[in-house]
C-alpha atoms as a PDB file:
ATOM      1  CA  MET A   1     174.673 -19.328  26.215  1.00  0.00           C
ATOM      2  CA  ASN A   2     175.114 -21.389  23.086  1.00  0.00           C
ATOM      3  CA  LYS A   3     174.176 -24.548  24.999  1.00  0.00           C
ATOM      4  CA  LEU A   4     171.109 -22.874  26.463  1.00  0.00           C
ATOM      5  CA  GLY A   5     170.122 -21.668  23.038  1.00  0.00           C
ATOM      6  CA  LYS A   6     170.305 -25.212  21.737  1.00  0.00           C
ATOM      7  CA  ILE A   7     168.456 -26.781  24.674  1.00  0.00           C
ATOM      8  CA  ALA A   8     165.608 -24.237  24.788  1.00  0.00           C
ATOM      9  CA  PRO A   9     164.019 -25.326  21.475  1.00  0.00           C
ATOM     10  CA  ILE A  10     164.156 -28.944  22.594  1.00  0.00           C
ATOM     11  CA  VAL A  11     162.438 -28.094  25.859  1.00  0.00           C
ATOM     12  CA  VAL A  12     159.795 -26.144  23.971  1.00  0.00           C
ATOM     13  CA  ILE A  13     159.230 -29.064  21.596  1.00  0.00           C
ATOM     14  CA  ILE A  14     158.959 -31.545  24.505  1.00  0.00           C
ATOM     15  CA  ALA A  15     156.525 -29.208  26.311  1.00  0.00           C
ATOM     16  CA  CYS A  16     154.426 -28.918  23.170  1.00  0.00           C
ATOM     17  CA  LEU A  17     154.381 -32.683  22.690  1.00  0.00           C
ATOM     18  CA  GLY A  18     153.467 -33.198  26.373  1.00  0.00           C
ATOM     19  CA  SER A  19     150.659 -30.691  26.249  1.00  0.00           C
ATOM     20  CA  GLY A  20     149.356 -32.289  23.025  1.00  0.00           C
ATOM     21  CA  PHE A  21     149.441 -35.743  24.613  1.00  0.00           C
ATOM     22  CA  PHE A  22     147.583 -34.546  27.690  1.00  0.00           C
ATOM     23  CA  ALA A  23     145.042 -32.748  25.505  1.00  0.00           C
ATOM     24  CA  TYR A  24     144.465 -35.982  23.565  1.00  0.00           C
ATOM     25  CA  GLU A  25     144.046 -38.009  26.786  1.00  0.00           C
ATOM     26  CA  LEU A  26     141.604 -35.432  28.119  1.00  0.00           C
ATOM     27  CA  GLN A  27     139.626 -35.619  24.882  1.00  0.00           C
ATOM     28  CA  VAL A  28     139.475 -39.454  25.090  1.00  0.00           C
ATOM     29  CA  MET A  29     138.369 -39.275  28.729  1.00  0.00           C
ATOM     30  CA  LYS A  30     135.758 -36.657  27.846  1.00  0.00           C
ATOM     31  CA  LYS A  31     134.287 -38.865  25.116  1.00  0.00           C
ATOM     32  CA  ALA A  32     134.217 -41.862  27.487  1.00  0.00           C
ATOM     33  CA  HIS A  33     132.440 -39.833  30.161  1.00  0.00           C
ATOM     34  CA  LEU A  34     129.966 -38.441  27.641  1.00  0.00           C
ATOM     35  CA  GLY A  35     129.185 -42.026  26.512  1.00  0.00           C
ATOM     36  CA  LYS A  36     128.551 -43.143  30.111  1.00  0.00           C
ATOM     37  CA  ILE A  37     126.353 -40.096  30.718  1.00  0.00           C
ATOM     38  CA  ALA A  38     124.314 -40.948  27.594  1.00  0.00           C
ATOM     39  CA  GLU A  39     123.909 -44.557  28.821  1.00  0.00           C
ATOM     40  CA  LEU A  40     122.801 -43.340  32.255  1.00  0.00           C
ATOM     41  CA  ASN A  41     120.317 -40.952  30.641  1.00  0.00           C
ATOM     42  CA  ASP A  42     118.884 -43.797  28.541  1.00  0.00           C
ATOM     43  CA  SER A  43     118.667 -46.027  31.621  1.00  0.00           C
ATOM     44  CA  LEU A  44     116.968 -43.227  33.569  1.00  0.00           C
ATOM     45  CA  THR A  45     114.465 -42.676  30.749  1.00  0.00           C
ATOM     46  CA  THR A  46     113.647 -46.407  30.590  1.00  0.00           C
ATOM     47  CA  THR A  47     113.306 -46.668  34.374  1.00  0.00           C
ATOM     48  CA  THR A  48     111.084 -43.568  34.466  1.00  0.00           C
ATOM     49  CA  ALA A  49     108.844 -45.027  31.735  1.00  0.00           C
ATOM     50  CA  LYS A  50     108.532 -48.338  33.605  1.00  0.00           C
ATOM     51  CA  LEU A  51     107.747 -46.524  36.844  1.00  0.00           C
ATOM     52  CA  THR A  52     105.113 -44.383  35.104  1.00  0.00           C
ATOM     53  CA  LYS A  53     103.518 -47.498  33.598  1.00  0.00           C
ATOM     54  CA  ALA A  54     103.537 -49.286  36.972  1.00  0.00           C
ATOM     55  CA  GLU A  55     101.967 -46.255  38.668  1.00  0.00           C
ATOM     56  CA  SER A  56      99.288 -46.109  35.940  1.00  0.00           C
ATOM     57  CA  THR A  57      98.558 -49.831  36.332  1.00  0.00           C
ATOM     58  CA  LEU A  58      98.344 -49.480  40.113  1.00  0.00           C
ATOM     59  CA  LYS A  59      96.045 -46.465  39.803  1.00  0.00           C
ATOM     60  CA  GLN A  60      93.781 -48.393  37.415  1.00  0.00           C
ATOM     61  CA  ALA A  61      93.746 -51.337  39.810  1.00  0.00           C
ATOM     62  CA  GLN A  62      92.838 -48.993  42.674  1.00  0.00           C
ATOM     63  CA  ASN A  63      90.005 -47.503  40.591  1.00  0.00           C
ATOM     64  CA  ASP A  64      88.757 -51.004  39.748  1.00  0.00           C
ATOM     65  CA  LEU A  65      88.939 -51.935  43.417  1.00  0.00           C
ATOM     66  CA  THR A  66      86.884 -48.877  44.399  1.00  0.00           C
ATOM     67  CA  GLN A  67      84.242 -49.714  41.793  1.00  0.00           C
ATOM     68  CA  THR A  68      84.326 -53.342  42.891  1.00  0.00           C
ATOM     69  CA  LYS A  69      83.557 -52.406  46.487  1.00  0.00           C
ATOM     70  CA  GLY A  70      80.384 -50.651  45.323  1.00  0.00           C
ATOM     71  CA  ASP A  71      79.381 -53.579  43.122  1.00  0.00           C
ATOM     72  CA  LEU A  72      80.126 -56.023  45.936  1.00  0.00           C
ATOM     73  CA  ALA A  73      78.007 -54.011  48.392  1.00  0.00           C
ATOM     74  CA  LYS A  74      75.073 -54.083  45.941  1.00  0.00           C
ATOM     75  CA  ALA A  75      75.501 -57.830  45.344  1.00  0.00           C
ATOM     76  CA  THR A  76      75.655 -58.433  49.108  1.00  0.00           C
ATOM     77  CA  ASN A  77      72.450 -56.443  49.589  1.00  0.00           C
ATOM     78  CA  ASP A  78      70.702 -58.423  46.821  1.00  0.00           C
ATOM     79  CA  LEU A  79      71.902 -61.666  48.390  1.00  0.00           C
ATOM     80  CA  GLN A  80      70.629 -60.644  51.836  1.00  0.00           C
ATOM     81  CA  THR A  81      67.241 -59.696  50.370  1.00  0.00           C
ATOM     82  CA  THR A  82      67.018 -63.093  48.651  1.00  0.00           C
ATOM     83  CA  LYS A  83      67.918 -64.906  51.880  1.00  0.00           C
ATOM     84  CA  VAL A  84      65.237 -62.994  53.809  1.00  0.00           C
ATOM     85  CA  ALA A  85      62.641 -63.824  51.143  1.00  0.00           C
ATOM     86  CA  LEU A  86      63.687 -67.487  51.219  1.00  0.00           C
ATOM     87  CA  ASP A  87      63.378 -67.625  55.023  1.00  0.00           C
ATOM     88  CA  GLN A  88      59.932 -66.010  54.833  1.00  0.00           C
ATOM     89  CA  LYS A  89      58.712 -68.476  52.212  1.00  0.00           C
ATOM     90  CA  THR A  90      60.117 -71.368  54.259  1.00  0.00           C
ATOM     91  CA  GLN A  91      58.213 -70.159  57.337  1.00  0.00           C
ATOM     92  CA  GLU A  92      55.008 -69.812  55.305  1.00  0.00           C
ATOM     93  CA  ALA A  93      55.473 -73.337  53.964  1.00  0.00           C
ATOM     94  CA  ASP A  94      56.009 -74.707  57.489  1.00  0.00           C
ATOM     95  CA  GLY A  95      52.860 -72.884  58.639  1.00  0.00           C
ATOM     96  CA  LEU A  96      50.837 -74.365  55.797  1.00  0.00           C
ATOM     97  CA  LYS A  97      52.126 -77.857  56.602  1.00  0.00           C
ATOM     98  CA  THR A  98      50.976 -77.399  60.214  1.00  0.00           C
ATOM     99  CA  GLN A  99      47.555 -76.188  59.044  1.00  0.00           C
ATOM    100  CA  MET A 100      47.244 -79.130  56.679  1.00  0.00           C
ATOM    101  CA  ALA A 101      48.133 -81.546  59.497  1.00  0.00           C
ATOM    102  CA  ASP A 102      45.443 -79.978  61.709  1.00  0.00           C
ATOM    103  CA  LYS A 103      42.887 -80.156  58.897  1.00  0.00           C
ATOM    104  CA  ASP A 104      43.778 -83.790  58.276  1.00  0.00           C
ATOM    105  CA  LYS A 105      43.092 -84.549  61.942  1.00  0.00           C
ATOM    106  CA  GLU A 106      39.758 -82.760  61.733  1.00  0.00           C
ATOM    107  CA  LEU A 107      38.928 -84.664  58.535  1.00  0.00           C
ATOM    108  CA  GLN A 108      39.775 -88.008  60.166  1.00  0.00           C
ATOM    109  CA  GLN A 109      37.627 -87.132  63.183  1.00  0.00           C
ATOM    110  CA  ALA A 110      34.790 -86.114  60.881  1.00  0.00           C
ATOM    111  CA  LYS A 111      35.074 -89.432  59.022  1.00  0.00           C
ATOM    112  CA  THR A 112      34.990 -91.270  62.357  1.00  0.00           C
ATOM    113  CA  ASP A 113      31.878 -89.333  63.386  1.00  0.00           C
ATOM    114  CA  LEU A 114      30.324 -90.033  59.990  1.00  0.00           C
ATOM    115  CA  GLY A 115      30.999 -93.754  60.377  1.00  0.00           C
ATOM    116  CA  ALA A 116      29.398 -93.763  63.815  1.00  0.00           C
ATOM    117  CA  SER A 117      26.387 -91.885  62.487  1.00  0.00           C
ATOM    118  CA  GLN A 118      26.037 -94.254  59.532  1.00  0.00           C
ATOM    119  CA  ALA A 119      26.157 -97.256  61.914  1.00  0.00           C
ATOM    120  CA  MET A 120      23.470 -95.646  64.012  1.00  0.00           C
ATOM    121  CA  VAL A 121      21.337 -94.952  60.922  1.00  0.00           C
ATOM    122  CA  THR A 122      21.668 -98.592  59.845  1.00  0.00           C
ATOM    123  CA  LYS A 123      20.694 -99.761  63.328  1.00  0.00           C
ATOM    124  CA  ILE A 124      17.538 -97.658  63.479  1.00  0.00           C
ATOM    125  CA  LYS A 125      16.655 -97.923  59.803  1.00  0.00           C
ATOM    126  CA  ASP A 126      13.850-100.393  60.386  1.00  0.00           C
ATOM    127  CA  GLY A 127      12.304 -98.274  63.154  1.00  0.00           C
ATOM    128  CA  LEU A 128      12.888 -94.865  61.509  1.00  0.00           C
ATOM    129  CA  SER A 129       9.219 -93.896  61.567  1.00  0.00           C
ATOM    130  CA  LYS A 130       9.036 -94.490  65.334  1.00  0.00           C
ATOM    131  CA  ALA A 131      12.534 -93.321  66.491  1.00  0.00           C
ATOM    132  CA  GLY A 132      12.700 -89.818  64.895  1.00  0.00           C
ATOM    133  CA  ILE A 133      15.209 -88.360  62.410  1.00  0.00           C
ATOM    134  CA  THR A 134      17.401 -85.912  64.396  1.00  0.00           C
ATOM    135  CA  ASP A 135      20.452 -88.117  63.869  1.00  0.00           C
ATOM    136  CA  ILE A 136      19.873 -87.959  60.138  1.00  0.00           C
ATOM    137  CA  ASP A 137      20.095 -84.180  60.350  1.00  0.00           C
ATOM    138  CA  ASN A 138      23.391 -84.550  62.235  1.00  0.00           C
ATOM    139  CA  LEU A 139      24.610 -86.817  59.458  1.00  0.00           C
ATOM    140  CA  ASP A 140      23.878 -84.144  56.871  1.00  0.00           C
ATOM    141  CA  LYS A 141      25.803 -81.596  58.940  1.00  0.00           C
ATOM    142  CA  LEU A 142      28.808 -83.921  59.236  1.00  0.00           C
ATOM    143  CA  THR A 143      28.716 -84.561  55.505  1.00  0.00           C
ATOM    144  CA  ASP A 144      28.748 -80.816  54.812  1.00  0.00           C
ATOM    145  CA  LYS A 145      31.621 -80.395  57.264  1.00  0.00           C
ATOM    146  CA  ILE A 146      33.666 -83.113  55.544  1.00  0.00           C
ATOM    147  CA  VAL A 147      33.084 -81.511  52.126  1.00  0.00           C
ATOM    148  CA  SER A 148      34.122 -78.115  53.553  1.00  0.00           C
ATOM    149  CA  LEU A 149      37.274 -79.562  55.134  1.00  0.00           C
ATOM    150  CA  GLY A 150      38.120 -81.309  51.886  1.00  0.00           C
ATOM    151  CA  ASP A 151      37.836 -78.026  49.989  1.00  0.00           C
ATOM    152  CA  GLU A 152      40.015 -76.255  52.568  1.00  0.00           C
ATOM    153  CA  ASN A 153      42.635 -79.001  52.340  1.00  0.00           C
ATOM    154  CA  LYS A 154      42.607 -78.701  48.567  1.00  0.00           C
ATOM    155  CA  ILE A 155      43.217 -74.936  48.762  1.00  0.00           C
ATOM    156  CA  LEU A 156      45.979 -75.406  51.346  1.00  0.00           C
ATOM    157  CA  GLY A 157      47.573 -78.067  49.142  1.00  0.00           C
ATOM    158  CA  GLN A 158      47.595 -75.698  46.173  1.00  0.00           C
ATOM    159  CA  GLN A 159      49.167 -72.959  48.322  1.00  0.00           C
ATOM    160  CA  LEU A 160      51.784 -75.433  49.546  1.00  0.00           C
ATOM    161  CA  VAL A 161      52.640 -76.417  45.959  1.00  0.00           C
ATOM    162  CA  THR A 162      53.000 -72.727  45.049  1.00  0.00           C
ATOM    163  CA  LEU A 163      55.239 -72.052  48.042  1.00  0.00           C
ATOM    164  CA  HIS A 164      57.341 -75.108  47.202  1.00  0.00           C
ATOM    165  CA  ALA A 165      57.828 -73.817  43.649  1.00  0.00           C
ATOM    166  CA  ASP A 166      58.766 -70.370  45.032  1.00  0.00           C
ATOM    167  CA  ASN A 167      61.273 -72.015  47.393  1.00  0.00           C
ATOM    168  CA  VAL A 168      62.873 -73.912  44.522  1.00  0.00           C
ATOM    169  CA  GLN A 169      63.218 -70.701  42.489  1.00  0.00           C
ATOM    170  CA  LEU A 170      64.677 -68.787  45.456  1.00  0.00           C
ATOM    171  CA  LYS A 171      67.165 -71.575  46.188  1.00  0.00           C
ATOM    172  CA  GLU A 172      68.225 -71.605  42.525  1.00  0.00           C
ATOM    173  CA  LYS A 173      68.601 -67.819  42.584  1.00  0.00           C
ATOM    174  CA  LEU A 174      70.598 -68.026  45.829  1.00  0.00           C
ATOM    175  CA  GLU A 175      72.906 -70.661  44.329  1.00  0.00           C
ATOM    176  CA  PHE A 176      73.244 -68.557  41.164  1.00  0.00           C
ATOM    177  CA  LEU A 177      74.247 -65.499  43.217  1.00  0.00           C
ATOM    178  CA  THR A 178      76.761 -67.316  45.444  1.00  0.00           C
ATOM    179  CA  THR A 179      78.439 -69.876  43.177  1.00  0.00           C
ATOM    180  CA  THR A 180      81.264 -69.393  40.665  1.00  0.00           C
ATOM    181  CA  PRO A 181      80.607 -71.736  37.688  1.00  0.00           C
ATOM    182  CA  VAL A 182      82.843 -74.817  37.667  1.00  0.00           C
ATOM    183  CA  GLY A 183      85.096 -74.883  34.584  1.00  0.00           C
ATOM    184  CA  LEU A 184      84.890 -71.086  34.032  1.00  0.00           C
ATOM    185  CA  ARG A 185      87.860 -69.974  31.893  1.00  0.00           C
ATOM    186  CA  GLY A 186      89.587 -66.653  31.343  1.00  0.00           C
ATOM    187  CA  HIS A 187      93.025 -65.084  30.973  1.00  0.00           C
ATOM    188  CA  VAL A 188      95.523 -63.025  32.933  1.00  0.00           C
ATOM    189  CA  THR A 189      95.479 -59.383  31.772  1.00  0.00           C
ATOM    190  CA  VAL A 190      97.794 -57.707  34.307  1.00  0.00           C
ATOM    191  CA  VAL A 191     100.613 -59.119  36.453  1.00  0.00           C
ATOM    192  CA  GLN A 192     101.863 -57.257  39.521  1.00  0.00           C
ATOM    193  CA  GLU A 193     104.328 -59.764  41.001  1.00  0.00           C
ATOM    194  CA  LYS A 194     105.784 -57.144  43.339  1.00  0.00           C
ATOM    195  CA  TRP A 195     102.397 -56.678  45.048  1.00  0.00           C
ATOM    196  CA  GLY A 196     101.433 -60.326  44.616  1.00  0.00           C
ATOM    197  CA  PHE A 197      98.264 -59.979  42.545  1.00  0.00           C
ATOM    198  CA  LEU A 198      96.898 -60.585  39.043  1.00  0.00           C
ATOM    199  CA  VAL A 199      94.016 -59.015  37.121  1.00  0.00           C
ATOM    200  CA  LEU A 200      91.761 -61.569  35.342  1.00  0.00           C
ATOM    201  CA  ASP A 201      89.338 -60.881  32.477  1.00  0.00           C
ATOM    202  CA  VAL A 202      86.301 -62.475  34.180  1.00  0.00           C
ATOM    203  CA  GLY A 203      83.978 -60.810  36.689  1.00  0.00           C
ATOM    204  CA  GLN A 204      80.392 -60.421  37.837  1.00  0.00           C
ATOM    205  CA  ALA A 205      79.092 -60.892  34.297  1.00  0.00           C
ATOM    206  CA  GLN A 206      80.573 -64.411  34.420  1.00  0.00           C
ATOM    207  CA  ARG A 207      79.264 -64.999  38.027  1.00  0.00           C
ATOM    208  CA  VAL A 208      82.721 -64.840  39.652  1.00  0.00           C
ATOM    209  CA  GLN A 209      82.440 -64.702  43.463  1.00  0.00           C
ATOM    210  CA  PRO A 210      84.961 -63.404  46.044  1.00  0.00           C
ATOM    211  CA  ASN A 211      87.281 -66.108  47.463  1.00  0.00           C
ATOM    212  CA  ALA A 212      86.911 -68.238  44.294  1.00  0.00           C
ATOM    213  CA  GLU A 213      90.163 -69.977  43.329  1.00  0.00           C
ATOM    214  CA  PHE A 214      91.563 -70.229  39.786  1.00  0.00           C
ATOM    215  CA  LEU A 215      94.357 -72.442  38.474  1.00  0.00           C
ATOM    216  CA  VAL A 216      96.868 -70.669  36.199  1.00  0.00           C
ATOM    217  CA  TYR A 217      98.104 -72.592  33.144  1.00  0.00           C
ATOM    218  CA  ARG A 218     100.562 -71.838  30.369  1.00  0.00           C
ATOM    219  CA  ASP A 219      99.780 -74.253  27.537  1.00  0.00           C
ATOM    220  CA  THR A 220      99.374 -77.494  29.537  1.00  0.00           C
ATOM    221  CA  LYS A 221     101.784 -76.576  32.361  1.00  0.00           C
ATOM    222  CA  LEU A 222     100.362 -75.639  35.766  1.00  0.00           C
ATOM    223  CA  ILE A 223     101.921 -72.347  36.875  1.00  0.00           C
ATOM    224  CA  GLY A 224     100.063 -71.830  40.157  1.00  0.00           C
ATOM    225  CA  LYS A 225      96.844 -70.772  41.852  1.00  0.00           C
ATOM    226  CA  VAL A 226      95.204 -67.423  42.705  1.00  0.00           C
ATOM    227  CA  GLN A 227      92.318 -66.503  45.011  1.00  0.00           C
ATOM    228  CA  VAL A 228      89.838 -63.770  44.044  1.00  0.00           C
ATOM    229  CA  VAL A 229      89.831 -60.860  46.510  1.00  0.00           C
ATOM    230  CA  SER A 230      87.554 -58.435  44.635  1.00  0.00           C
ATOM    231  CA  VAL A 231      85.191 -58.619  41.670  1.00  0.00           C
ATOM    232  CA  ALA A 232      84.148 -55.939  39.170  1.00  0.00           C
ATOM    233  CA  ALA A 233      81.666 -56.100  36.304  1.00  0.00           C
ATOM    234  CA  ASN A 234      83.988 -57.745  33.754  1.00  0.00           C
ATOM    235  CA  ASN A 235      87.230 -58.390  35.631  1.00  0.00           C
ATOM    236  CA  CYS A 236      88.542 -59.356  39.047  1.00  0.00           C
ATOM    237  CA  ILE A 237      91.694 -59.130  41.143  1.00  0.00           C
ATOM    238  CA  GLY A 238      93.306 -62.386  42.278  1.00  0.00           C
ATOM    239  CA  GLN A 239      95.833 -62.746  45.112  1.00  0.00           C
ATOM    240  CA  ILE A 240      98.751 -65.029  44.222  1.00  0.00           C
ATOM    241  CA  MET A 241      98.901 -68.095  46.514  1.00  0.00           C
ATOM    242  CA  PRO A 242     102.688 -68.607  46.989  1.00  0.00           C
ATOM    243  CA  GLU A 243     102.381 -72.170  48.314  1.00  0.00           C
ATOM    244  CA  TYR A 244     100.940 -73.324  44.957  1.00  0.00           C
ATOM    245  CA  MET A 245     103.249 -71.400  42.611  1.00  0.00           C
ATOM    246  CA  HIS A 246     105.474 -73.356  40.198  1.00  0.00           C
ATOM    247  CA  GLY A 247     106.497 -70.386  38.066  1.00  0.00           C
ATOM    248  CA  THR A 248     105.825 -66.711  37.378  1.00  0.00           C
ATOM    249  CA  PRO A 249     102.436 -65.855  35.756  1.00  0.00           C
ATOM    250  CA  VAL A 250     102.522 -63.668  32.639  1.00  0.00           C
ATOM    251  CA  VAL A 251      99.877 -61.784  30.681  1.00  0.00           C
ATOM    252  CA  GLY A 252      97.892 -64.182  28.488  1.00  0.00           C
ATOM    253  CA  ASP A 253      98.130 -67.229  30.798  1.00  0.00           C
ATOM    254  CA  LEU A 254      94.950 -69.339  30.936  1.00  0.00           C
ATOM    255  CA  ILE A 255      92.938 -69.437  34.197  1.00  0.00           C
ATOM    256  CA  ILE A 256      90.387 -72.159  35.055  1.00  0.00           C
ATOM    257  CA  HIS A 257      88.042 -72.393  38.047  1.00  0.00           C
END
């Protein structure tokens, strides 16, 4: 009993020390786990924010694309109307050229007839009082006809000049509507490398056309090339062309057509 009485306090002390040690270890483990949970929460918050921003950017791009489709349909309609007008003016010009050619033939024939009549008048001039003057009347008619044909040719020539001027204007308008200006510059405003497209700060206001290609520069270094797939009023969406890429585009990079 005396030995047990001596050993019991020692056992109690050892048990207390053991339980204290385990409690300390549990506390350390708890703090470590709480730290990892805090890091995971921060990572989750950051990831959620990035995902929200990406979804917002994609939604904006989709809205721009929807608006662009409407603008593109209107531009296509305007272009078709201009082409129809140009074809009509070209046909009118061809018709006037044909009319002028016919009138020229008539004028040449009239001149030939006038020459023959003048030769006949010269031949019978000395015997005019005996031979009659019916041919002289014919000469007056031919002269009037030549004057009339000359006036008609003049009018047709003026109409042809007007149609030519209209054709020039329509061709210039057609070129204006279908050509992206060479040397046009802008910048990258949005980069979506995952989906392979960029948003550029140039659009219909700067005469950007679908399928136009832009080189992407950073300072003087060529980064790559993009092709325009849709155009809005003041911006456009460009598809990254992987075969020409020498780096990753970033917001602010210079683009040149």
